Amino acid sequence: MTTALSLLELPAASREHEQIVSKEPAIDEAMIKKFIAYLDVSRGTMINYEYGLKTFLLWMKLKGLTRPLRCDILRYKKELKEYISHQH
C-alpha cells in the first residue's frame, strides 16, 4: 500500500508509474472552470481562486504533471514560499 510518506521517497520511475496509473482525472483548464462555477462565493473570491489554480496549473505544466500527487503539491508550496521570500 502506498502512503503519503512513501510517495515523498519514491524514485522518479516509481513516481511516474503512480502518475500514470492514477484513476484521478487530469487537472486542466476545463476542470478549473467547472470547479470555479460550482463555488458559492463572492466574485472577488472566485477571481482569486481562479488565479491561484491557474498559477498551479502552469507550474504543473512546467513540471510535466497532469495528475499531481500530495508530494507535488508540497513541492509547489515550498517553491512558492521560496519565490515569495525572494521578492521581499
N, C-alpha and C. Protein backbone atom coordinates (compact mmCIF):
# COMPACT_ATOMS: atom_id res chain seq x y z
N MET A 1 0.84 -1.18 0.00
CA MET A 1 0.00 0.00 0.00
C MET A 1 0.88 1.24 0.00
N THR A 2 0.57 2.20 -0.83
CA THR A 2 1.33 3.43 -0.93
C THR A 2 0.76 4.46 0.04
N THR A 3 1.64 5.02 0.85
CA THR A 3 1.22 6.06 1.78
C THR A 3 1.78 7.39 1.32
N ALA A 4 1.27 8.47 1.89
CA ALA A 4 1.77 9.80 1.53
C ALA A 4 3.25 9.91 1.80
N LEU A 5 3.71 9.35 2.92
CA LEU A 5 5.12 9.43 3.26
C LEU A 5 5.96 8.66 2.26
N SER A 6 5.50 7.48 1.84
CA SER A 6 6.28 6.71 0.89
C SER A 6 6.32 7.38 -0.48
N LEU A 7 5.29 8.15 -0.84
CA LEU A 7 5.30 8.86 -2.11
C LEU A 7 6.40 9.91 -2.15
N LEU A 8 6.68 10.51 -1.01
CA LEU A 8 7.74 11.53 -0.96
C LEU A 8 9.10 10.92 -1.20
N GLU A 9 9.22 9.63 -0.94
CA GLU A 9 10.51 8.95 -1.05
C GLU A 9 10.63 8.11 -2.32
N LEU A 10 9.61 8.12 -3.18
CA LEU A 10 9.65 7.30 -4.39
C LEU A 10 10.73 7.78 -5.35
N PRO A 11 11.48 6.85 -5.94
CA PRO A 11 12.38 7.25 -7.02
C PRO A 11 11.56 7.72 -8.22
N ALA A 12 12.17 8.45 -9.11
CA ALA A 12 11.47 9.06 -10.25
C ALA A 12 10.64 8.04 -11.04
N ALA A 13 11.20 6.86 -11.35
CA ALA A 13 10.48 5.88 -12.16
C ALA A 13 9.19 5.44 -11.47
N SER A 14 9.26 5.17 -10.17
CA SER A 14 8.07 4.76 -9.43
C SER A 14 7.07 5.90 -9.37
N ARG A 15 7.56 7.10 -9.19
CA ARG A 15 6.70 8.30 -9.13
C ARG A 15 5.93 8.45 -10.44
N GLU A 16 6.61 8.22 -11.56
CA GLU A 16 5.96 8.31 -12.86
C GLU A 16 4.90 7.22 -13.00
N HIS A 17 5.18 6.03 -12.48
CA HIS A 17 4.21 4.94 -12.54
C HIS A 17 2.95 5.31 -11.76
N GLU A 18 3.11 5.88 -10.58
CA GLU A 18 1.96 6.32 -9.79
C GLU A 18 1.14 7.33 -10.58
N GLN A 19 1.81 8.23 -11.28
CA GLN A 19 1.14 9.26 -12.08
C GLN A 19 0.29 8.62 -13.18
N ILE A 20 0.84 7.63 -13.85
CA ILE A 20 0.17 7.01 -14.99
C ILE A 20 -1.03 6.18 -14.56
N VAL A 21 -0.92 5.41 -13.48
CA VAL A 21 -1.99 4.51 -13.09
C VAL A 21 -3.07 5.17 -12.24
N SER A 22 -2.89 6.42 -11.90
CA SER A 22 -3.87 7.11 -11.08
C SER A 22 -5.23 7.14 -11.76
N LYS A 23 -6.28 6.91 -10.97
CA LYS A 23 -7.63 6.95 -11.51
C LYS A 23 -8.22 8.36 -11.43
N GLU A 24 -7.50 9.27 -10.82
CA GLU A 24 -7.95 10.65 -10.73
C GLU A 24 -7.89 11.29 -12.12
N PRO A 25 -8.86 12.13 -12.44
CA PRO A 25 -8.81 12.81 -13.74
C PRO A 25 -7.66 13.81 -13.77
N ALA A 26 -7.16 14.06 -14.95
CA ALA A 26 -6.10 15.05 -15.11
C ALA A 26 -6.68 16.43 -14.80
N ILE A 27 -5.87 17.26 -14.16
CA ILE A 27 -6.30 18.62 -13.88
C ILE A 27 -5.99 19.46 -15.11
N ASP A 28 -7.00 20.16 -15.60
CA ASP A 28 -6.81 21.01 -16.77
C ASP A 28 -7.68 22.26 -16.62
N GLU A 29 -7.60 23.13 -17.60
CA GLU A 29 -8.34 24.40 -17.58
C GLU A 29 -9.85 24.17 -17.45
N ALA A 30 -10.37 23.15 -18.15
CA ALA A 30 -11.81 22.86 -18.09
C ALA A 30 -12.24 22.45 -16.69
N MET A 31 -11.42 21.66 -16.02
CA MET A 31 -11.74 21.23 -14.66
C MET A 31 -11.74 22.44 -13.72
N ILE A 32 -10.81 23.34 -13.90
CA ILE A 32 -10.75 24.55 -13.07
C ILE A 32 -12.01 25.39 -13.27
N LYS A 33 -12.42 25.56 -14.52
CA LYS A 33 -13.62 26.35 -14.81
C LYS A 33 -14.86 25.72 -14.17
N LYS A 34 -14.97 24.40 -14.23
CA LYS A 34 -16.11 23.72 -13.61
C LYS A 34 -16.10 23.92 -12.10
N PHE A 35 -14.92 23.80 -11.49
CA PHE A 35 -14.80 23.98 -10.06
C PHE A 35 -15.19 25.40 -9.66
N ILE A 36 -14.68 26.39 -10.37
CA ILE A 36 -14.98 27.79 -10.08
C ILE A 36 -16.48 28.06 -10.21
N ALA A 37 -17.10 27.52 -11.25
CA ALA A 37 -18.54 27.71 -11.47
C ALA A 37 -19.37 27.07 -10.35
N TYR A 38 -18.85 26.02 -9.74
CA TYR A 38 -19.54 25.29 -8.69
C TYR A 38 -19.54 26.05 -7.36
N LEU A 39 -18.55 26.92 -7.16
CA LEU A 39 -18.40 27.62 -5.88
C LEU A 39 -19.54 28.60 -5.62
N ASP A 40 -19.87 28.72 -4.37
CA ASP A 40 -20.86 29.70 -3.95
C ASP A 40 -20.12 30.76 -3.13
N VAL A 41 -19.36 31.60 -3.84
CA VAL A 41 -18.53 32.61 -3.19
C VAL A 41 -18.67 33.94 -3.92
N SER A 42 -18.11 34.97 -3.31
CA SER A 42 -18.18 36.29 -3.95
C SER A 42 -17.33 36.31 -5.22
N ARG A 43 -17.59 37.29 -6.05
CA ARG A 43 -16.86 37.43 -7.32
C ARG A 43 -15.36 37.58 -7.07
N GLY A 44 -15.00 38.36 -6.05
CA GLY A 44 -13.59 38.56 -5.73
C GLY A 44 -12.90 37.26 -5.34
N THR A 45 -13.58 36.46 -4.52
CA THR A 45 -13.03 35.17 -4.10
C THR A 45 -12.89 34.26 -5.30
N MET A 46 -13.89 34.29 -6.17
CA MET A 46 -13.86 33.47 -7.38
C MET A 46 -12.64 33.82 -8.24
N ILE A 47 -12.38 35.10 -8.40
CA ILE A 47 -11.23 35.57 -9.20
C ILE A 47 -9.92 35.11 -8.56
N ASN A 48 -9.83 35.21 -7.22
CA ASN A 48 -8.61 34.78 -6.52
C ASN A 48 -8.39 33.28 -6.64
N TYR A 49 -9.44 32.49 -6.49
CA TYR A 49 -9.33 31.04 -6.65
C TYR A 49 -8.86 30.70 -8.07
N GLU A 50 -9.49 31.33 -9.04
CA GLU A 50 -9.14 31.04 -10.43
C GLU A 50 -7.68 31.39 -10.71
N TYR A 51 -7.23 32.53 -10.21
CA TYR A 51 -5.84 32.94 -10.41
C TYR A 51 -4.89 31.93 -9.77
N GLY A 52 -5.18 31.55 -8.52
CA GLY A 52 -4.33 30.60 -7.82
C GLY A 52 -4.27 29.24 -8.49
N LEU A 53 -5.43 28.76 -8.93
CA LEU A 53 -5.48 27.45 -9.58
C LEU A 53 -4.81 27.47 -10.95
N LYS A 54 -4.97 28.55 -11.68
CA LYS A 54 -4.32 28.65 -12.99
C LYS A 54 -2.80 28.76 -12.84
N THR A 55 -2.36 29.44 -11.78
CA THR A 55 -0.93 29.52 -11.49
C THR A 55 -0.38 28.13 -11.18
N PHE A 56 -1.13 27.36 -10.38
CA PHE A 56 -0.73 25.99 -10.06
C PHE A 56 -0.72 25.13 -11.33
N LEU A 57 -1.71 25.29 -12.19
CA LEU A 57 -1.78 24.55 -13.44
C LEU A 57 -0.58 24.85 -14.32
N LEU A 58 -0.18 26.11 -14.40
CA LEU A 58 1.01 26.49 -15.17
C LEU A 58 2.25 25.81 -14.59
N TRP A 59 2.39 25.83 -13.27
CA TRP A 59 3.52 25.17 -12.62
C TRP A 59 3.53 23.69 -12.96
N MET A 60 2.35 23.06 -12.92
CA MET A 60 2.25 21.64 -13.26
C MET A 60 2.73 21.38 -14.68
N LYS A 61 2.32 22.23 -15.60
CA LYS A 61 2.73 22.06 -17.00
C LYS A 61 4.24 22.19 -17.14
N LEU A 62 4.83 23.14 -16.43
CA LEU A 62 6.28 23.33 -16.47
C LEU A 62 7.02 22.11 -15.93
N LYS A 63 6.39 21.40 -14.99
CA LYS A 63 6.99 20.21 -14.38
C LYS A 63 6.59 18.93 -15.11
N GLY A 64 5.72 19.04 -16.11
CA GLY A 64 5.29 17.86 -16.86
C GLY A 64 4.27 17.00 -16.12
N LEU A 65 3.48 17.61 -15.24
CA LEU A 65 2.50 16.88 -14.44
C LEU A 65 1.08 17.10 -14.97
N THR A 66 0.25 16.08 -14.87
CA THR A 66 -1.17 16.22 -15.20
C THR A 66 -2.05 15.76 -14.04
N ARG A 67 -1.52 14.87 -13.22
CA ARG A 67 -2.25 14.34 -12.06
C ARG A 67 -1.36 14.48 -10.83
N PRO A 68 -1.37 15.65 -10.21
CA PRO A 68 -0.43 15.85 -9.10
C PRO A 68 -0.76 14.98 -7.89
N LEU A 69 0.29 14.54 -7.27
CA LEU A 69 0.18 13.79 -6.03
C LEU A 69 0.45 14.75 -4.87
N ARG A 70 0.24 14.29 -3.66
CA ARG A 70 0.47 15.13 -2.49
C ARG A 70 1.90 15.66 -2.48
N CYS A 71 2.86 14.83 -2.85
CA CYS A 71 4.26 15.26 -2.85
C CYS A 71 4.47 16.40 -3.84
N ASP A 72 3.73 16.43 -4.94
CA ASP A 72 3.83 17.52 -5.91
C ASP A 72 3.29 18.81 -5.33
N ILE A 73 2.18 18.71 -4.63
CA ILE A 73 1.57 19.89 -4.02
C ILE A 73 2.49 20.46 -2.95
N LEU A 74 3.09 19.59 -2.16
CA LEU A 74 4.04 20.05 -1.14
C LEU A 74 5.24 20.74 -1.79
N ARG A 75 5.71 20.19 -2.90
CA ARG A 75 6.83 20.80 -3.63
C ARG A 75 6.43 22.16 -4.18
N TYR A 76 5.23 22.27 -4.72
CA TYR A 76 4.74 23.55 -5.24
C TYR A 76 4.69 24.59 -4.12
N LYS A 77 4.14 24.20 -2.98
CA LYS A 77 4.05 25.13 -1.85
C LYS A 77 5.44 25.59 -1.40
N LYS A 78 6.39 24.67 -1.37
CA LYS A 78 7.76 25.01 -0.98
C LYS A 78 8.37 25.99 -1.97
N GLU A 79 8.22 25.71 -3.26
CA GLU A 79 8.78 26.59 -4.28
C GLU A 79 8.10 27.96 -4.26
N LEU A 80 6.80 27.98 -4.01
CA LEU A 80 6.07 29.24 -3.95
C LEU A 80 6.56 30.08 -2.76
N LYS A 81 6.74 29.44 -1.61
CA LYS A 81 7.26 30.15 -0.43
C LYS A 81 8.65 30.72 -0.70
N GLU A 82 9.50 29.93 -1.35
CA GLU A 82 10.85 30.40 -1.68
C GLU A 82 10.80 31.59 -2.63
N TYR A 83 9.95 31.50 -3.63
CA TYR A 83 9.80 32.59 -4.60
C TYR A 83 9.34 33.87 -3.90
N ILE A 84 8.33 33.74 -3.06
CA ILE A 84 7.79 34.91 -2.36
C ILE A 84 8.83 35.51 -1.42
N SER A 85 9.59 34.66 -0.72
CA SER A 85 10.60 35.18 0.22
C SER A 85 11.70 35.95 -0.50
N HIS A 86 11.98 35.60 -1.75
CA HIS A 86 13.00 36.32 -2.53
C HIS A 86 12.47 37.62 -3.13
N GLN A 87 11.16 37.79 -3.12
CA GLN A 87 10.56 39.01 -3.68
C GLN A 87 10.54 40.15 -2.66
N HIS A 88 10.72 39.84 -1.38
CA HIS A 88 10.64 40.87 -0.33
C HIS A 88 11.98 41.29 0.16
